[in-house]
Protein backbone atom coordinates (compact mmCIF):
# COMPACT_ATOMS: atom_id res chain seq x y z
CA MET A 1 -45.95 -23.59 -6.22
CA ILE A 2 -47.86 -23.97 -9.50
CA GLN A 3 -49.74 -20.75 -8.76
CA GLN A 4 -46.49 -18.91 -8.04
CA LEU A 5 -44.91 -20.27 -11.20
CA THR A 6 -47.92 -19.24 -13.24
CA THR A 7 -47.75 -15.72 -11.77
CA LEU A 8 -44.06 -15.53 -12.49
CA HIS A 9 -44.58 -16.85 -16.02
CA GLY A 10 -47.21 -14.21 -16.70
CA GLU A 11 -44.95 -11.41 -15.51
CA LEU A 12 -42.02 -12.67 -17.53
CA SER A 13 -44.26 -12.96 -20.61
CA SER A 14 -45.67 -9.44 -20.31
CA ASP A 15 -42.93 -7.96 -22.48
CA ALA A 16 -44.34 -7.75 -26.01
CA SER A 17 -40.87 -7.48 -27.52
CA ARG A 18 -39.91 -10.99 -26.39
CA GLN A 19 -39.26 -13.20 -29.39
CA GLN A 20 -39.68 -16.49 -27.58
CA ASN A 21 -41.65 -17.33 -24.45
CA SER A 22 -40.90 -20.14 -22.03
CA SER A 23 -43.74 -22.34 -20.83
CA VAL A 24 -44.48 -22.86 -17.13
CA ARG A 25 -42.79 -26.26 -17.31
CA GLU A 26 -39.71 -24.77 -18.96
CA LEU A 27 -39.61 -21.96 -16.40
CA TYR A 28 -39.78 -24.50 -13.58
CA ALA A 29 -36.91 -26.42 -15.16
CA GLU A 30 -34.94 -23.17 -15.43
CA LEU A 31 -35.38 -22.44 -11.72
CA LEU A 32 -34.35 -25.99 -10.78
CA ALA A 33 -31.24 -25.71 -12.93
CA ILE A 34 -30.35 -22.35 -11.36
CA GLU A 35 -30.74 -23.75 -7.85
CA GLU A 36 -28.59 -26.74 -8.72
CA GLU A 37 -25.91 -24.52 -10.26
CA PHE A 38 -25.67 -21.98 -7.42
CA GLY A 39 -26.84 -24.12 -4.51
CA GLU A 40 -29.54 -21.66 -3.49
CA LEU A 41 -32.16 -19.46 -5.14
CA GLN A 42 -34.28 -16.71 -3.62
CA LEU A 43 -37.60 -15.96 -5.31
CA ASP A 44 -39.61 -12.97 -4.06
CA LEU A 45 -42.94 -12.65 -5.85
CA ARG A 46 -43.90 -9.50 -3.96
CA GLU A 47 -40.69 -7.75 -4.88
CA GLN A 48 -40.67 -9.50 -8.24
CA SER A 49 -37.06 -10.53 -7.94
CA ILE A 50 -34.86 -13.60 -8.28
CA SER A 51 -31.49 -13.71 -6.57
CA VAL A 52 -28.55 -16.10 -6.51
CA SER A 53 -25.12 -15.86 -4.90
CA THR A 54 -21.73 -16.86 -6.26
CA GLU A 55 -18.94 -18.50 -4.36
CA PRO A 56 -16.20 -16.22 -2.94
CA ILE A 57 -14.33 -14.91 -5.96
CA GLU A 58 -10.58 -14.35 -6.06
CA LEU A 59 -8.85 -12.95 -9.15
CA GLU A 60 -5.06 -12.98 -9.53
CA GLY A 61 -4.57 -13.30 -5.80
CA VAL A 62 -6.99 -10.47 -4.92
CA TYR A 63 -9.89 -11.60 -2.71
CA LEU A 64 -13.18 -9.98 -3.78
CA GLY A 65 -15.70 -12.13 -1.88
CA PRO A 66 -19.07 -13.57 -2.94
CA PHE A 67 -21.55 -11.60 -5.04
CA GLU A 68 -25.35 -11.61 -5.18
CA ILE A 69 -26.92 -11.36 -8.64
CA HIS A 70 -30.29 -9.69 -8.02
CA LEU A 71 -32.72 -9.70 -10.98
CA ASN A 72 -35.85 -7.56 -10.99
CA TYR A 73 -37.99 -9.37 -13.54
CA ALA A 74 -40.79 -6.76 -13.45
CA ASN A 75 -38.96 -4.81 -16.14
CA LEU A 76 -36.57 -6.81 -18.26
CA LYS A 77 -35.92 -4.06 -20.80
CA MET A 78 -32.32 -2.88 -20.84
CA ASP A 79 -32.98 0.40 -22.65
CA ASN A 80 -32.73 2.44 -19.47
CA GLY A 81 -30.05 0.40 -17.74
CA ALA A 82 -29.78 -3.21 -16.64
CA PRO A 83 -32.72 -4.66 -14.63
CA TYR A 84 -30.31 -6.43 -12.31
CA ARG A 85 -27.68 -5.56 -9.76
CA VAL A 86 -24.49 -7.25 -8.66
CA ILE A 87 -24.07 -6.75 -4.92
CA ALA A 88 -20.91 -7.61 -2.98
CA LYS A 89 -21.91 -9.67 0.08
CA ASP A 90 -18.49 -9.39 1.72
CA PRO A 91 -17.18 -6.19 0.16
CA HIS A 92 -13.45 -5.79 -0.47
CA PRO A 93 -13.54 -2.70 -2.68
CA ALA A 94 -10.62 -1.00 -4.34
CA PHE A 95 -8.76 1.17 -1.86
CA THR A 96 -9.03 4.25 -4.05
CA ASN A 97 -12.75 3.82 -4.86
CA ASP A 98 -15.27 2.30 -2.43
CA CYS A 99 -17.87 2.04 -5.22
CA VAL A 100 -15.75 -0.47 -7.17
CA THR A 101 -16.24 -3.88 -5.56
CA HIS A 102 -14.97 -5.82 -8.59
CA PRO A 103 -12.73 -4.71 -11.48
CA HIS A 104 -15.87 -4.75 -13.66
CA VAL A 105 -18.51 -3.72 -11.10
CA GLN A 106 -19.12 -0.14 -10.01
CA SER A 107 -22.04 0.98 -7.84
CA ASP A 108 -23.59 -2.55 -8.16
CA VAL A 109 -23.62 -2.31 -11.98
CA VAL A 110 -21.51 -4.77 -13.98
CA CYS A 111 -19.68 -3.75 -17.13
CA GLU A 112 -20.94 -6.35 -19.60
CA GLY A 113 -18.64 -5.46 -22.48
CA ASP A 114 -19.14 -7.76 -25.47
CA GLY A 115 -21.59 -9.90 -23.47
CA ARG A 116 -24.26 -7.18 -23.32
CA HIS A 117 -26.15 -8.40 -26.42
CA VAL A 118 -26.16 -12.05 -25.28
CA ILE A 119 -27.37 -11.12 -21.80
CA ARG A 120 -30.12 -8.94 -23.28
CA ARG A 121 -31.36 -11.78 -25.52
CA SER A 122 -31.38 -14.29 -22.66
CA LEU A 123 -33.58 -11.98 -20.57
CA GLU A 124 -35.89 -11.19 -23.47
CA GLN A 125 -36.41 -14.91 -24.12
CA GLY A 126 -36.82 -15.84 -20.46
CA ARG A 127 -33.68 -17.98 -20.39
CA LEU A 128 -32.98 -17.28 -16.74
CA PHE A 129 -30.39 -20.02 -16.32
CA ASP A 130 -28.32 -18.63 -19.19
CA PHE A 131 -28.61 -15.11 -17.78
CA PHE A 132 -27.41 -15.97 -14.27
CA THR A 133 -24.57 -18.21 -15.45
CA MET A 134 -23.33 -15.59 -17.94
CA VAL A 135 -23.26 -12.83 -15.32
CA ALA A 136 -21.51 -15.16 -12.87
CA SER A 137 -18.97 -15.98 -15.59
CA LEU A 138 -18.28 -12.27 -16.03
CA LEU A 139 -17.58 -11.98 -12.31
CA ARG A 140 -15.12 -14.89 -12.44
CA THR A 141 -13.22 -13.31 -15.35
CA TYR A 142 -10.79 -10.41 -15.40
CA ASN A 143 -10.28 -8.28 -18.50
CA SER A 144 -7.19 -6.16 -18.00
CA ASP A 145 -8.14 -3.93 -20.95
CA SER A 146 -11.26 -2.37 -19.39
CA PRO A 147 -11.36 -2.50 -15.57
CA TYR A 148 -12.75 0.29 -13.40
CA VAL A 149 -9.70 -0.31 -11.20
CA ALA A 150 -6.91 -2.65 -12.26
CA LEU A 151 -6.17 -5.60 -9.98
CA SER A 152 -2.55 -4.47 -9.81
CA ASP A 153 -3.80 -1.22 -8.25
CA TRP A 154 -6.51 -2.79 -6.08
CA ASP A 155 -4.69 -2.19 -2.81
CA SER A 156 -3.03 1.00 -4.03
CA VAL A 157 -3.26 4.12 -1.91
CA GLU A 158 -2.42 7.78 -2.24
CA CYS A 159 0.76 9.12 -0.74
CA THR A 160 -0.27 11.63 1.93
CA GLU A 161 2.48 14.06 1.00
CA CYS A 162 2.62 14.02 -2.82
CA ALA A 163 -0.83 12.45 -3.57
CA ASP A 164 0.67 9.97 -6.05
CA VAL A 165 -1.07 6.58 -6.27
CA ILE A 166 1.26 3.88 -5.04
CA ALA A 167 1.00 0.10 -5.11
CA ALA A 168 0.85 -1.96 -1.94
CA ASN A 169 4.44 -3.15 -2.28
CA GLN A 170 5.72 0.41 -2.77
CA GLN A 171 4.15 2.08 0.23
CA THR A 172 5.44 2.68 3.71
CA ARG A 173 4.26 4.46 6.84
CA CYS A 174 5.77 7.17 8.97
CA ASP A 175 7.10 5.52 12.12
CA ASN A 176 5.70 8.37 14.20
CA CYS A 177 2.35 9.60 12.81
CA GLU A 178 1.71 6.46 10.65
CA ILE A 179 0.60 8.31 7.52
CA THR A 180 1.04 6.48 4.20
CA LEU A 181 4.05 7.52 2.16
CA CYS A 182 5.65 6.60 -1.14
CA THR A 183 9.30 5.59 -1.19
CA GLY A 184 10.24 9.01 -2.55
CA CYS A 185 8.62 10.97 0.30
CA ALA A 186 9.69 8.66 3.15
CA LYS A 187 13.03 9.63 4.64
CA ASP A 188 15.09 7.39 6.93
CA CYS A 189 16.42 8.64 10.22
CA LEU A 190 20.22 8.94 10.18
CA ASP A 191 20.54 6.93 13.41
CA CYS A 192 17.70 4.39 13.66
CA ASP A 193 17.02 4.02 9.87
CA CYS A 194 13.24 4.10 10.46
CA PRO A 195 11.06 5.87 7.81
CA PHE A 196 9.49 9.22 8.67
CA CYS A 197 7.51 11.92 6.94
CA HIS A 198 8.88 15.43 6.47
CA GLU A 199 7.02 16.82 9.48
CA CYS A 200 8.34 14.18 11.88
CA LEU A 201 12.01 14.64 11.02
CA SER A 202 14.43 17.15 12.58
CA TYR A 203 18.01 18.09 11.84
CA CYS A 204 21.22 17.54 13.77
CA ASP A 205 22.69 20.97 14.60
CA SER A 206 26.18 19.60 14.15
CA CYS A 207 26.18 17.59 10.91
CA HIS A 208 22.74 18.77 9.64
CA GLY A 209 21.63 15.18 8.96
CA GLN A 210 17.94 14.26 9.21
CA CYS A 211 17.00 12.50 12.43
CA CYS A 212 13.85 11.71 14.36
CA SER A 213 13.28 13.45 17.69
CA SER A 214 13.89 10.21 19.60
CA CYS A 215 17.44 9.93 18.28
CA LEU A 216 18.43 13.55 18.93
CA GLN A 217 20.04 14.48 22.25
CA GLN A 218 21.05 17.87 23.58
CA CYS A 219 24.66 18.80 24.21
CA VAL A 220 25.06 19.38 27.95
CA GLN A 221 26.98 22.60 27.29
CA CYS A 222 25.41 24.44 24.35
CA ARG A 223 22.04 22.61 24.31
CA ALA A 224 22.32 21.92 20.59
CA ASP A 225 20.37 18.94 19.23
CA CYS A 226 22.85 16.34 18.08
CA CYS A 227 22.60 12.89 16.57
CA GLN A 228 24.31 9.97 18.22
CA ARG A 229 27.23 10.19 15.81
CA CYS A 230 27.98 13.81 16.65
CA LEU A 231 27.56 13.56 20.43
CA LEU A 232 30.74 12.44 22.22
CA GLU A 233 30.99 10.19 25.26
CA ASN A 234 31.07 13.20 27.56
CA GLU A 235 27.65 14.21 26.14
CA ARG A 236 29.14 17.25 24.44
CA CYS A 237 29.11 18.04 20.79
CA SER A 238 32.39 18.12 18.93
CA ASP A 239 32.42 21.93 18.79
CA CYS A 240 32.03 22.30 22.56
CA ASP A 241 34.58 19.59 23.18
CA ALA A 242 37.14 21.30 20.94
CA GLU A 243 36.47 24.66 22.58
CA GLU A 244 36.93 23.22 26.07
CA LEU A 245 40.18 21.56 25.04
CA GLU A 246 41.49 24.84 23.66
CA GLU A 247 40.66 26.71 26.86
CA THR A 248 42.38 24.04 28.93
CA ASN A 249 45.53 24.35 26.86
CA GLU A 250 45.55 28.14 27.29
CA GLU A 251 45.37 27.84 31.09
CA LEU A 252 48.41 25.54 31.39
CA PRO A 253 51.76 27.39 32.24
CA GLU A 254 54.38 27.49 29.55
CA ASN A 255 57.27 25.03 30.10
CA PRO A 256 60.66 26.92 30.62
CA ASP A 257 63.38 26.07 28.24
CA SER A 258 65.73 23.47 29.58
CA ALA A 259 69.02 24.99 30.89
CA ALA A 260 71.95 24.32 28.73
CA ILE A 261 74.26 21.81 30.28
CA PRO A 262 77.89 22.93 29.88
CA VAL A 263 80.06 20.49 28.19
CA THR A 264 83.73 20.40 29.33
CA ALA A 265 86.09 19.42 26.61
CA THR A 266 88.88 17.18 27.82
CA ALA A 267 91.98 17.02 25.66
CA VAL A 268 93.11 13.57 25.16
CA GLN A 269 96.77 13.24 24.38
CA PRO A 270 97.93 10.25 22.51
CA ASP A 271 100.36 8.10 24.44
CA CYS A 272 103.97 8.59 23.25
CA LEU A 273 102.74 10.12 20.07
CA GLY A 274 105.47 12.13 18.36
CA GLU A 275 108.22 11.43 20.93
CA THR A 276 111.82 11.12 19.71
CA VAL A 277 114.65 9.43 21.45
CA VAL A 278 117.33 12.02 22.38
CA PRO A 279 120.81 10.77 23.16
CA ALA A 280 122.22 11.89 26.50
């Protein structure tokens, strides 16, 4: 172990720009502190790397999973990019970008923001414990001002029809082909009220309302596609039913006029009206 620590110390001290070097004892204390903080530490002298893993991280209700912080200490200069990677161990990337595994991590590179200078100094001075804890702190923090993908849009998808990005609580699926739709592109069937895309909807030939193919039924007479509201109990559309009723009425004979019933007037004479007594 002493030999490995000495080798590691020599490699960490090879950078001439380092302002302060840690001794072997201090380096050993750093590694012990890192292991105690993260529970496990992986040291690969052949690969010249030190790795630790965070706990599963969840930010504002969005599960992101644990991350591995993988430091390649062979080249600690940050002039040509960071000498470390942040790797998602149980990736739950943004739906619209598989390369973004964390709001501040894209393609295994973390956006350090204002912490870049502090992280650079910790690596230059061999303060490994400070480096790993600072990067882990970045992963546990969400800055809504500069994310690669905002947490509010993490589960957002594109509407298949209009290509607009829609949030998880504003998306629906076609009940037939199951493509993702926004609320503006999804249309409800007139009969069953299920959402459908434009391609999976048809029209009622009678009322011209939008219906799915399952809710349309053909009129037994004219074979028109009708919704359940326009198809009558006799399985005919209203037009065919009205036409049949009209033909039936035309076939019925006309009713002859009722013969006039003669009315006999009977004169009714008043009893003893106008009589005068005539003497004999």
